[in-house]
PDB file of all heavy atoms in Angstrom:
ATOM      1  N   TRP A   1      56.852  12.619  -4.511  1.00  0.00           N
ATOM      2  CA  TRP A   1      57.659  12.248  -3.345  1.00  0.00           C
ATOM      3  C   TRP A   1      56.697  11.743  -2.259  1.00  0.00           C
ATOM      4  O   TRP A   1      56.443  12.410  -1.267  1.00  0.00           O
ATOM      5  CB  TRP A   1      58.461  13.451  -2.845  1.00  0.00           C
ATOM      6  CG  TRP A   1      59.707  13.691  -3.641  1.00  0.00           C
ATOM      7  CD1 TRP A   1      60.981  13.344  -3.295  1.00  0.00           C
ATOM      8  CD2 TRP A   1      59.823  14.334  -4.924  1.00  0.00           C
ATOM      9  NE1 TRP A   1      61.868  13.718  -4.279  1.00  0.00           N
ATOM     10  CE2 TRP A   1      61.186  14.321  -5.290  1.00  0.00           C
ATOM     11  CE3 TRP A   1      58.886  14.901  -5.797  1.00  0.00           C
ATOM     12  CZ2 TRP A   1      61.651  14.866  -6.479  1.00  0.00           C
ATOM     13  CZ3 TRP A   1      59.349  15.439  -6.991  1.00  0.00           C
ATOM     14  CH2 TRP A   1      60.711  15.418  -7.322  1.00  0.00           C
ATOM     15  N   THR A   2      56.115  10.574  -2.494  1.00  0.00           N
ATOM     16  CA  THR A   2      55.027  10.085  -1.636  1.00  0.00           C
ATOM     17  C   THR A   2      55.268   8.658  -1.147  1.00  0.00           C
ATOM     18  O   THR A   2      54.316   7.976  -0.764  1.00  0.00           O
ATOM     19  CB  THR A   2      53.679  10.162  -2.386  1.00  0.00           C
ATOM     20  OG1 THR A   2      53.793   9.460  -3.633  1.00  0.00           O
ATOM     21  CG2 THR A   2      53.279  11.606  -2.652  1.00  0.00           C
ATOM     22  N   GLU A   3      56.504   8.230  -1.120  1.00  0.00           N
ATOM     23  CA  GLU A   3      56.816   6.880  -0.651  1.00  0.00           C
ATOM     24  C   GLU A   3      56.354   6.706   0.802  1.00  0.00           C
ATOM     25  O   GLU A   3      56.742   7.462   1.694  1.00  0.00           O
ATOM     26  CB  GLU A   3      58.333   6.653  -0.731  1.00  0.00           C
ATOM     27  CG  GLU A   3      58.806   5.317  -0.215  1.00  0.00           C
ATOM     28  CD  GLU A   3      60.329   5.264  -0.100  1.00  0.00           C
ATOM     29  OE1 GLU A   3      61.009   5.938  -0.903  1.00  0.00           O
ATOM     30  OE2 GLU A   3      60.821   4.569   0.790  1.00  0.00           O
ATOM     31  N   GLY A   4      55.473   5.726   1.032  1.00  0.00           N
ATOM     32  CA  GLY A   4      55.026   5.423   2.388  1.00  0.00           C
ATOM     33  C   GLY A   4      53.899   6.294   2.913  1.00  0.00           C
ATOM     34  O   GLY A   4      53.512   6.153   4.081  1.00  0.00           O
ATOM     35  N   VAL A   5      53.345   7.196   2.078  1.00  0.00           N
ATOM     36  CA  VAL A   5      52.201   8.016   2.510  1.00  0.00           C
ATOM     37  C   VAL A   5      51.069   7.877   1.486  1.00  0.00           C
ATOM     38  O   VAL A   5      51.319   7.720   0.289  1.00  0.00           O
ATOM     39  CB  VAL A   5      52.579   9.514   2.681  1.00  0.00           C
ATOM     40  CG1 VAL A   5      53.524   9.696   3.853  1.00  0.00           C
ATOM     41  CG2 VAL A   5      53.180  10.094   1.426  1.00  0.00           C
ATOM     42  N   PRO A   6      49.826   7.914   1.948  1.00  0.00           N
ATOM     43  CA  PRO A   6      48.702   7.700   1.029  1.00  0.00           C
ATOM     44  C   PRO A   6      48.441   8.910   0.133  1.00  0.00           C
ATOM     45  O   PRO A   6      48.686  10.056   0.524  1.00  0.00           O
ATOM     46  CB  PRO A   6      47.518   7.467   1.979  1.00  0.00           C
ATOM     47  CG  PRO A   6      47.890   8.197   3.241  1.00  0.00           C
ATOM     48  CD  PRO A   6      49.380   8.089   3.350  1.00  0.00           C
ATOM     49  N   VAL A   7      47.953   8.640  -1.075  1.00  0.00           N
ATOM     50  CA  VAL A   7      47.522   9.692  -2.003  1.00  0.00           C
ATOM     51  C   VAL A   7      46.119   9.330  -2.469  1.00  0.00           C
ATOM     52  O   VAL A   7      45.907   8.253  -3.040  1.00  0.00           O
ATOM     53  CB  VAL A   7      48.462   9.811  -3.223  1.00  0.00           C
ATOM     54  CG1 VAL A   7      48.002  10.960  -4.124  1.00  0.00           C
ATOM     55  CG2 VAL A   7      49.905  10.010  -2.788  1.00  0.00           C
ATOM     56  N   GLU A   8      45.147  10.215  -2.230  1.00  0.00           N
ATOM     57  CA  GLU A   8      43.756   9.934  -2.617  1.00  0.00           C
ATOM     58  C   GLU A   8      43.629   9.824  -4.136  1.00  0.00           C
ATOM     59  O   GLU A   8      44.322  10.525  -4.877  1.00  0.00           O
ATOM     60  CB  GLU A   8      42.819  11.075  -2.172  1.00  0.00           C
ATOM     61  CG  GLU A   8      43.000  11.606  -0.784  1.00  0.00           C
ATOM     62  CD  GLU A   8      42.747  13.108  -0.741  1.00  0.00           C
ATOM     63  OE1 GLU A   8      43.647  13.871  -1.120  1.00  0.00           O
ATOM     64  OE2 GLU A   8      41.645  13.494  -0.321  1.00  0.00           O
ATOM     65  N   ASP A   9      42.707   8.986  -4.581  1.00  0.00           N
ATOM     66  CA  ASP A   9      42.433   8.880  -6.018  1.00  0.00           C
ATOM     67  C   ASP A   9      41.976  10.221  -6.582  1.00  0.00           C
ATOM     68  O   ASP A   9      42.340  10.589  -7.699  1.00  0.00           O
ATOM     69  CB  ASP A   9      41.362   7.813  -6.274  1.00  0.00           C
ATOM     70  CG  ASP A   9      41.875   6.396  -6.018  1.00  0.00           C
ATOM     71  OD1 ASP A   9      43.120   6.209  -6.011  1.00  0.00           O
ATOM     72  OD2 ASP A   9      41.042   5.491  -5.814  1.00  0.00           O
ATOM     73  N   GLU A  10      41.155  10.954  -5.796  1.00  0.00           N
ATOM     74  CA  GLU A  10      40.667  12.258  -6.268  1.00  0.00           C
ATOM     75  C   GLU A  10      41.815  13.238  -6.460  1.00  0.00           C
ATOM     76  O   GLU A  10      41.812  14.029  -7.407  1.00  0.00           O
ATOM     77  CB  GLU A  10      39.660  12.853  -5.267  1.00  0.00           C
ATOM     78  CG  GLU A  10      38.379  12.054  -5.129  1.00  0.00           C
ATOM     79  CD  GLU A  10      38.464  11.054  -3.973  1.00  0.00           C
ATOM     80  OE1 GLU A  10      39.597  10.617  -3.636  1.00  0.00           O
ATOM     81  OE2 GLU A  10      37.409  10.710  -3.428  1.00  0.00           O
ATOM     82  N   ALA A  11      42.815  13.162  -5.579  1.00  0.00           N
ATOM     83  CA  ALA A  11      43.984  14.033  -5.720  1.00  0.00           C
ATOM     84  C   ALA A  11      44.777  13.669  -6.969  1.00  0.00           C
ATOM     85  O   ALA A  11      45.254  14.553  -7.700  1.00  0.00           O
ATOM     86  CB  ALA A  11      44.866  13.946  -4.480  1.00  0.00           C
ATOM     87  N   ARG A  12      44.910  12.387  -7.243  1.00  0.00           N
ATOM     88  CA  ARG A  12      45.625  11.957  -8.456  1.00  0.00           C
ATOM     89  C   ARG A  12      44.913  12.462  -9.708  1.00  0.00           C
ATOM     90  O   ARG A  12      45.560  12.932 -10.655  1.00  0.00           O
ATOM     91  CB  ARG A  12      45.743  10.430  -8.501  1.00  0.00           C
ATOM     92  CG  ARG A  12      46.740   9.856  -7.505  1.00  0.00           C
ATOM     93  CD  ARG A  12      46.918   8.361  -7.712  1.00  0.00           C
ATOM     94  NE  ARG A  12      47.760   7.769  -6.687  1.00  0.00           N
ATOM     95  CZ  ARG A  12      49.092   7.739  -6.725  1.00  0.00           C
ATOM     96  NH1 ARG A  12      49.720   8.261  -7.767  1.00  0.00           N
ATOM     97  NH2 ARG A  12      49.786   7.176  -5.753  1.00  0.00           N
ATOM     98  N   ARG A  13      43.574  12.378  -9.714  1.00  0.00           N
ATOM     99  CA  ARG A  13      42.821  12.862 -10.881  1.00  0.00           C
ATOM    100  C   ARG A  13      43.011  14.365 -11.050  1.00  0.00           C
ATOM    101  O   ARG A  13      43.162  14.867 -12.171  1.00  0.00           O
ATOM    102  CB  ARG A  13      41.337  12.525 -10.725  1.00  0.00           C
ATOM    103  CG  ARG A  13      41.009  11.079 -11.063  1.00  0.00           C
ATOM    104  CD  ARG A  13      39.514  10.870 -11.220  1.00  0.00           C
ATOM    105  NE  ARG A  13      38.813  10.953  -9.947  1.00  0.00           N
ATOM    106  CZ  ARG A  13      38.616   9.918  -9.137  1.00  0.00           C
ATOM    107  NH1 ARG A  13      39.074   8.727  -9.459  1.00  0.00           N
ATOM    108  NH2 ARG A  13      37.950  10.072  -8.000  1.00  0.00           N
ATOM    109  N   GLN A  14      42.998  15.088  -9.921  1.00  0.00           N
ATOM    110  CA  GLN A  14      43.171  16.536  -9.972  1.00  0.00           C
ATOM    111  C   GLN A  14      44.570  16.883 -10.515  1.00  0.00           C
ATOM    112  O   GLN A  14      44.724  17.798 -11.343  1.00  0.00           O
ATOM    113  CB  GLN A  14      42.974  17.118  -8.569  1.00  0.00           C
ATOM    114  CG  GLN A  14      42.776  18.618  -8.528  1.00  0.00           C
ATOM    115  CD  GLN A  14      42.428  19.085  -7.120  1.00  0.00           C
ATOM    116  OE1 GLN A  14      43.050  18.660  -6.153  1.00  0.00           O
ATOM    117  NE2 GLN A  14      41.450  19.968  -7.007  1.00  0.00           N
ATOM    118  N   LEU A  15      45.577  16.150 -10.067  1.00  0.00           N
ATOM    119  CA  LEU A  15      46.940  16.377 -10.554  1.00  0.00           C
ATOM    120  C   LEU A  15      47.038  16.113 -12.054  1.00  0.00           C
ATOM    121  O   LEU A  15      47.689  16.878 -12.793  1.00  0.00           O
ATOM    122  CB  LEU A  15      47.919  15.469  -9.803  1.00  0.00           C
ATOM    123  CG  LEU A  15      48.198  15.838  -8.348  1.00  0.00           C
ATOM    124  CD1 LEU A  15      48.859  14.672  -7.620  1.00  0.00           C
ATOM    125  CD2 LEU A  15      49.083  17.085  -8.266  1.00  0.00           C
ATOM    126  N   MET A  16      46.403  15.060 -12.523  1.00  0.00           N
ATOM    127  CA  MET A  16      46.449  14.735 -13.952  1.00  0.00           C
ATOM    128  C   MET A  16      45.773  15.817 -14.785  1.00  0.00           C
ATOM    129  O   MET A  16      46.250  16.165 -15.869  1.00  0.00           O
ATOM    130  CB  MET A  16      45.824  13.364 -14.202  1.00  0.00           C
ATOM    131  CG  MET A  16      46.659  12.226 -13.637  1.00  0.00           C
ATOM    132  SD  MET A  16      45.932  10.593 -13.857  1.00  0.00           S
ATOM    133  CE  MET A  16      46.212  10.338 -15.612  1.00  0.00           C
ATOM    134  N   ASN A  17      44.675  16.380 -14.273  1.00  0.00           N
ATOM    135  CA  ASN A  17      44.020  17.485 -14.979  1.00  0.00           C
ATOM    136  C   ASN A  17      44.967  18.674 -15.133  1.00  0.00           C
ATOM    137  O   ASN A  17      45.052  19.288 -16.198  1.00  0.00           O
ATOM    138  CB  ASN A  17      42.762  17.921 -14.230  1.00  0.00           C
ATOM    139  CG  ASN A  17      41.602  16.968 -14.412  1.00  0.00           C
ATOM    140  OD1 ASN A  17      41.575  16.171 -15.355  1.00  0.00           O
ATOM    141  ND2 ASN A  17      40.635  17.033 -13.510  1.00  0.00           N
ATOM    142  N   THR A  18      45.674  18.989 -14.051  1.00  0.00           N
ATOM    143  CA  THR A  18      46.610  20.120 -14.106  1.00  0.00           C
ATOM    144  C   THR A  18      47.765  19.813 -15.060  1.00  0.00           C
ATOM    145  O   THR A  18      48.190  20.685 -15.835  1.00  0.00           O
ATOM    146  CB  THR A  18      47.154  20.431 -12.697  1.00  0.00           C
ATOM    147  OG1 THR A  18      46.062  20.671 -11.805  1.00  0.00           O
ATOM    148  CG2 THR A  18      48.058  21.656 -12.719  1.00  0.00           C
ATOM    149  N   ALA A  19      48.258  18.590 -15.023  1.00  0.00           N
ATOM    150  CA  ALA A  19      49.401  18.207 -15.866  1.00  0.00           C
ATOM    151  C   ALA A  19      49.077  18.287 -17.356  1.00  0.00           C
ATOM    152  O   ALA A  19      49.994  18.367 -18.191  1.00  0.00           O
ATOM    153  CB  ALA A  19      49.862  16.801 -15.503  1.00  0.00           C
ATOM    154  N   ARG A  20      47.797  18.265 -17.699  1.00  0.00           N
ATOM    155  CA  ARG A  20      47.395  18.328 -19.112  1.00  0.00           C
ATOM    156  C   ARG A  20      47.304  19.767 -19.637  1.00  0.00           C
ATOM    157  O   ARG A  20      47.075  19.954 -20.844  1.00  0.00           O
ATOM    158  CB  ARG A  20      46.047  17.627 -19.302  1.00  0.00           C
ATOM    159  CG  ARG A  20      46.118  16.116 -19.139  1.00  0.00           C
ATOM    160  CD  ARG A  20      44.846  15.425 -19.600  1.00  0.00           C
ATOM    161  NE  ARG A  20      44.947  13.983 -19.436  1.00  0.00           N
ATOM    162  CZ  ARG A  20      44.400  13.288 -18.444  1.00  0.00           C
ATOM    163  NH1 ARG A  20      43.679  13.923 -17.519  1.00  0.00           N
ATOM    164  NH2 ARG A  20      44.553  11.992 -18.362  1.00  0.00           N
ATOM    165  N   MET A  21      47.455  20.749 -18.775  1.00  0.00           N
ATOM    166  CA  MET A  21      47.407  22.121 -19.260  1.00  0.00           C
ATOM    167  C   MET A  21      48.609  22.368 -20.164  1.00  0.00           C
ATOM    168  O   MET A  21      49.726  21.936 -19.858  1.00  0.00           O
ATOM    169  CB  MET A  21      47.378  23.100 -18.091  1.00  0.00           C
ATOM    170  CG  MET A  21      46.167  22.920 -17.157  1.00  0.00           C
ATOM    171  SD  MET A  21      44.572  23.013 -18.007  1.00  0.00           S
ATOM    172  CE  MET A  21      44.481  24.770 -18.335  1.00  0.00           C
ATOM    173  N   PRO A  22      48.418  23.073 -21.285  1.00  0.00           N
ATOM    174  CA  PRO A  22      49.461  23.132 -22.323  1.00  0.00           C
ATOM    175  C   PRO A  22      50.708  23.929 -21.946  1.00  0.00           C
ATOM    176  O   PRO A  22      51.736  23.811 -22.614  1.00  0.00           O
ATOM    177  CB  PRO A  22      48.738  23.805 -23.496  1.00  0.00           C
ATOM    178  CG  PRO A  22      47.612  24.574 -22.868  1.00  0.00           C
ATOM    179  CD  PRO A  22      47.179  23.756 -21.691  1.00  0.00           C
ATOM    180  N   PHE A  23      50.635  24.700 -20.882  1.00  0.00           N
ATOM    181  CA  PHE A  23      51.757  25.579 -20.527  1.00  0.00           C
ATOM    182  C   PHE A  23      52.564  25.058 -19.329  1.00  0.00           C
ATOM    183  O   PHE A  23      53.427  25.764 -18.813  1.00  0.00           O
ATOM    184  CB  PHE A  23      51.244  26.991 -20.232  1.00  0.00           C
ATOM    185  CG  PHE A  23      49.987  27.009 -19.390  1.00  0.00           C
ATOM    186  CD1 PHE A  23      50.035  26.777 -18.024  1.00  0.00           C
ATOM    187  CD2 PHE A  23      48.751  27.217 -19.986  1.00  0.00           C
ATOM    188  CE1 PHE A  23      48.891  26.761 -17.262  1.00  0.00           C
ATOM    189  CE2 PHE A  23      47.589  27.213 -19.220  1.00  0.00           C
ATOM    190  CZ  PHE A  23      47.659  26.984 -17.860  1.00  0.00           C
ATOM    191  N   ILE A  24      52.292  23.838 -18.871  1.00  0.00           N
ATOM    192  CA  ILE A  24      53.087  23.256 -17.778  1.00  0.00           C
ATOM    193  C   ILE A  24      54.516  23.030 -18.274  1.00  0.00           C
ATOM    194  O   ILE A  24      54.732  22.515 -19.376  1.00  0.00           O
ATOM    195  CB  ILE A  24      52.467  21.924 -17.294  1.00  0.00           C
ATOM    196  CG1 ILE A  24      51.056  22.153 -16.726  1.00  0.00           C
ATOM    197  CG2 ILE A  24      53.375  21.253 -16.253  1.00  0.00           C
ATOM    198  CD1 ILE A  24      50.976  23.047 -15.518  1.00  0.00           C
ATOM    199  N   PHE A  25      55.493  23.382 -17.460  1.00  0.00           N
ATOM    200  CA  PHE A  25      56.904  23.258 -17.811  1.00  0.00           C
ATOM    201  C   PHE A  25      57.484  21.963 -17.239  1.00  0.00           C
ATOM    202  O   PHE A  25      57.474  21.770 -16.012  1.00  0.00           O
ATOM    203  CB  PHE A  25      57.671  24.471 -17.275  1.00  0.00           C
ATOM    204  CG  PHE A  25      59.158  24.405 -17.467  1.00  0.00           C
ATOM    205  CD1 PHE A  25      59.714  24.575 -18.724  1.00  0.00           C
ATOM    206  CD2 PHE A  25      60.004  24.179 -16.384  1.00  0.00           C
ATOM    207  CE1 PHE A  25      61.083  24.522 -18.906  1.00  0.00           C
ATOM    208  CE2 PHE A  25      61.378  24.122 -16.551  1.00  0.00           C
ATOM    209  CZ  PHE A  25      61.928  24.292 -17.822  1.00  0.00           C
ATOM    210  N   ARG A  26      57.929  21.081 -18.086  1.00  0.00           N
ATOM    211  CA  ARG A  26      58.635  19.821 -17.769  1.00  0.00           C
ATOM    212  C   ARG A  26      57.788  18.795 -17.021  1.00  0.00           C
ATOM    213  O   ARG A  26      57.491  17.737 -17.533  1.00  0.00           O
ATOM    214  CB  ARG A  26      59.930  20.089 -16.977  1.00  0.00           C
ATOM    215  CG  ARG A  26      61.042  20.659 -17.827  1.00  0.00           C
ATOM    216  CD  ARG A  26      62.313  20.815 -17.022  1.00  0.00           C
ATOM    217  NE  ARG A  26      62.911  19.528 -16.677  1.00  0.00           N
ATOM    218  CZ  ARG A  26      63.931  18.980 -17.346  1.00  0.00           C
ATOM    219  NH1 ARG A  26      64.443  19.597 -18.399  1.00  0.00           N
ATOM    220  NH2 ARG A  26      64.441  17.833 -16.956  1.00  0.00           N
ATOM    221  N   HIS A  27      57.385  19.076 -15.777  1.00  0.00           N
ATOM    222  CA  HIS A  27      56.605  18.116 -14.990  1.00  0.00           C
ATOM    223  C   HIS A  27      56.014  18.820 -13.774  1.00  0.00           C
ATOM    224  O   HIS A  27      56.428  19.934 -13.432  1.00  0.00           O
ATOM    225  CB  HIS A  27      57.467  16.932 -14.536  1.00  0.00           C
ATOM    226  CG  HIS A  27      58.630  17.318 -13.659  1.00  0.00           C
ATOM    227  ND1 HIS A  27      59.883  17.588 -14.151  1.00  0.00           N
ATOM    228  CD2 HIS A  27      58.743  17.480 -12.300  1.00  0.00           C
ATOM    229  CE1 HIS A  27      60.706  17.896 -13.165  1.00  0.00           C
ATOM    230  NE2 HIS A  27      60.031  17.836 -12.020  1.00  0.00           N
ATOM    231  N   LEU A  28      55.040  18.192 -13.137  1.00  0.00           N
ATOM    232  CA  LEU A  28      54.567  18.630 -11.826  1.00  0.00           C
ATOM    233  C   LEU A  28      55.387  17.916 -10.761  1.00  0.00           C
ATOM    234  O   LEU A  28      55.749  16.747 -10.926  1.00  0.00           O
ATOM    235  CB  LEU A  28      53.087  18.281 -11.611  1.00  0.00           C
ATOM    236  CG  LEU A  28      52.027  18.904 -12.506  1.00  0.00           C
ATOM    237  CD1 LEU A  28      50.638  18.516 -11.992  1.00  0.00           C
ATOM    238  CD2 LEU A  28      52.161  20.406 -12.587  1.00  0.00           C
ATOM    239  N   ALA A  29      55.640  18.609  -9.654  1.00  0.00           N
ATOM    240  CA  ALA A  29      56.294  17.978  -8.504  1.00  0.00           C
ATOM    241  C   ALA A  29      55.282  17.913  -7.367  1.00  0.00           C
ATOM    242  O   ALA A  29      54.617  18.912  -7.066  1.00  0.00           O
ATOM    243  CB  ALA A  29      57.522  18.780  -8.077  1.00  0.00           C
ATOM    244  N   VAL A  30      55.157  16.744  -6.748  1.00  0.00           N
ATOM    245  CA  VAL A  30      54.125  16.517  -5.737  1.00  0.00           C
ATOM    246  C   VAL A  30      54.782  16.135  -4.417  1.00  0.00           C
ATOM    247  O   VAL A  30      55.580  15.194  -4.355  1.00  0.00           O
ATOM    248  CB  VAL A  30      53.137  15.417  -6.197  1.00  0.00           C
ATOM    249  CG1 VAL A  30      52.090  15.157  -5.123  1.00  0.00           C
ATOM    250  CG2 VAL A  30      52.474  15.839  -7.503  1.00  0.00           C
ATOM    251  N   MET A  31      54.430  16.863  -3.384  1.00  0.00           N
ATOM    252  CA  MET A  31      55.029  16.676  -2.069  1.00  0.00           C
ATOM    253  C   MET A  31      54.262  15.617  -1.258  1.00  0.00           C
ATOM    254  O   MET A  31      53.099  15.330  -1.554  1.00  0.00           O
ATOM    255  CB  MET A  31      55.042  18.011  -1.314  1.00  0.00           C
ATOM    256  CG  MET A  31      55.785  19.145  -2.047  1.00  0.00           C
ATOM    257  SD  MET A  31      57.538  18.794  -2.289  1.00  0.00           S
ATOM    258  CE  MET A  31      57.592  18.361  -4.027  1.00  0.00           C
ATOM    259  N   PRO A  32      54.866  15.054  -0.208  1.00  0.00           N
ATOM    260  CA  PRO A  32      54.226  13.951   0.516  1.00  0.00           C
ATOM    261  C   PRO A  32      52.990  14.333   1.330  1.00  0.00           C
ATOM    262  O   PRO A  32      52.244  13.442   1.761  1.00  0.00           O
ATOM    263  CB  PRO A  32      55.344  13.430   1.430  1.00  0.00           C
ATOM    264  CG  PRO A  32      56.328  14.533   1.525  1.00  0.00           C
ATOM    265  CD  PRO A  32      56.259  15.266   0.230  1.00  0.00           C
ATOM    266  N   ASP A  33      52.747  15.637   1.529  1.00  0.00           N
ATOM    267  CA  ASP A  33      51.530  16.052   2.247  1.00  0.00           C
ATOM    268  C   ASP A  33      50.368  16.274   1.286  1.00  0.00           C
ATOM    269  O   ASP A  33      49.362  16.885   1.655  1.00  0.00           O
ATOM    270  CB  ASP A  33      51.794  17.313   3.068  1.00  0.00           C
ATOM    271  CG  ASP A  33      52.318  18.483   2.244  1.00  0.00           C
ATOM    272  OD1 ASP A  33      52.790  18.248   1.103  1.00  0.00           O
ATOM    273  OD2 ASP A  33      52.282  19.629   2.727  1.00  0.00           O
ATOM    274  N   VAL A  34      50.471  15.766   0.069  1.00  0.00           N
ATOM    275  CA  VAL A  34      49.486  16.022  -0.982  1.00  0.00           C
ATOM    276  C   VAL A  34      48.085  15.578  -0.580  1.00  0.00           C
ATOM    277  O   VAL A  34      47.894  14.526   0.022  1.00  0.00           O
ATOM    278  CB  VAL A  34      49.927  15.316  -2.290  1.00  0.00           C
ATOM    279  CG1 VAL A  34      50.048  13.804  -2.095  1.00  0.00           C
ATOM    280  CG2 VAL A  34      48.985  15.635  -3.433  1.00  0.00           C
ATOM    281  N   HIS A  35      47.090  16.423  -0.905  1.00  0.00           N
ATOM    282  CA  HIS A  35      45.684  16.034  -0.768  1.00  0.00           C
ATOM    283  C   HIS A  35      44.814  16.945  -1.625  1.00  0.00           C
ATOM    284  O   HIS A  35      45.254  18.002  -2.080  1.00  0.00           O
ATOM    285  CB  HIS A  35      45.211  16.029   0.696  1.00  0.00           C
ATOM    286  CG  HIS A  35      45.343  17.337   1.403  1.00  0.00           C
ATOM    287  ND1 HIS A  35      46.540  17.808   1.892  1.00  0.00           N
ATOM    288  CD2 HIS A  35      44.424  18.276   1.738  1.00  0.00           C
ATOM    289  CE1 HIS A  35      46.359  18.970   2.490  1.00  0.00           C
ATOM    290  NE2 HIS A  35      45.085  19.287   2.400  1.00  0.00           N
ATOM    291  N   LEU A  36      43.594  16.506  -1.838  1.00  0.00           N
ATOM    292  CA  LEU A  36      42.646  17.226  -2.690  1.00  0.00           C
ATOM    293  C   LEU A  36      42.482  18.663  -2.217  1.00  0.00           C
ATOM    294  O   LEU A  36      42.368  18.923  -1.018  1.00  0.00           O
ATOM    295  CB  LEU A  36      41.297  16.503  -2.663  1.00  0.00           C
ATOM    296  CG  LEU A  36      40.222  17.000  -3.638  1.00  0.00           C
ATOM    297  CD1 LEU A  36      40.590  16.656  -5.063  1.00  0.00           C
ATOM    298  CD2 LEU A  36      38.865  16.382  -3.265  1.00  0.00           C
ATOM    299  N   GLY A  37      42.477  19.592  -3.147  1.00  0.00           N
ATOM    300  CA  GLY A  37      42.287  20.999  -2.802  1.00  0.00           C
ATOM    301  C   GLY A  37      41.337  21.677  -3.765  1.00  0.00           C
ATOM    302  O   GLY A  37      40.968  21.102  -4.796  1.00  0.00           O
ATOM    303  N   LYS A  38      40.952  22.893  -3.437  1.00  0.00           N
ATOM    304  CA  LYS A  38      40.101  23.670  -4.335  1.00  0.00           C
ATOM    305  C   LYS A  38      40.987  24.287  -5.409  1.00  0.00           C
ATOM    306  O   LYS A  38      41.978  24.931  -5.112  1.00  0.00           O
ATOM    307  CB  LYS A  38      39.363  24.766  -3.556  1.00  0.00           C
ATOM    308  CG  LYS A  38      38.473  25.646  -4.436  1.00  0.00           C
ATOM    309  CD  LYS A  38      37.684  26.637  -3.614  1.00  0.00           C
ATOM    310  CE  LYS A  38      37.013  27.704  -4.477  1.00  0.00           C
ATOM    311  NZ  LYS A  38      36.167  27.162  -5.540  1.00  0.00           N
ATOM    312  N   GLY A  39      40.643  24.065  -6.661  1.00  0.00           N
ATOM    313  CA  GLY A  39      41.424  24.630  -7.749  1.00  0.00           C
ATOM    314  C   GLY A  39      42.549  23.716  -8.176  1.00  0.00           C
ATOM    315  O   GLY A  39      42.560  23.193  -9.281  1.00  0.00           O
ATOM    316  N   SER A  40      43.504  23.517  -7.300  1.00  0.00           N
ATOM    317  CA  SER A  40      44.606  22.596  -7.573  1.00  0.00           C
ATOM    318  C   SER A  40      44.939  21.823  -6.307  1.00  0.00           C
ATOM    319  O   SER A  40      44.543  22.208  -5.205  1.00  0.00           O
ATOM    320  CB  SER A  40      45.846  23.353  -8.064  1.00  0.00           C
ATOM    321  OG  SER A  40      45.683  23.764  -9.400  1.00  0.00           O
ATOM    322  N   THR A  41      45.705  20.775  -6.478  1.00  0.00           N
ATOM    323  CA  THR A  41      46.012  19.870  -5.384  1.00  0.00           C
ATOM    324  C   THR A  41      46.945  20.524  -4.380  1.00  0.00           C
ATOM    325  O   THR A  41      47.980  21.094  -4.749  1.00  0.00           O
ATOM    326  CB  THR A  41      46.678  18.608  -5.950  1.00  0.00           C
ATOM    327  OG1 THR A  41      46.032  18.260  -7.178  1.00  0.00           O
ATOM    328  CG2 THR A  41      46.557  17.460  -4.981  1.00  0.00           C
ATOM    329  N   ILE A  42      46.599  20.457  -3.108  1.00  0.00           N
ATOM    330  CA  ILE A  42      47.471  20.967  -2.056  1.00  0.00           C
ATOM    331  C   ILE A  42      48.679  20.040  -1.943  1.00  0.00           C
ATOM    332  O   ILE A  42      48.540  18.814  -1.976  1.00  0.00           O
ATOM    333  CB  ILE A  42      46.696  21.072  -0.729  1.00  0.00           C
ATOM    334  CG1 ILE A  42      45.566  22.091  -0.879  1.00  0.00           C
ATOM    335  CG2 ILE A  42      47.631  21.464   0.416  1.00  0.00           C
ATOM    336  CD1 ILE A  42      44.530  22.060   0.207  1.00  0.00           C
TER     337      ILE A  42
END
């Protein structure tokens, strides 16, 4: 949900890493305040 707000490339890579974990259910949901975080994307 990021229409009209920037998303860093590093945050996108971090999200993709999390999405590849085998126990994720259906999909990740990403809010418009998204940015790089420690461990997982804020």
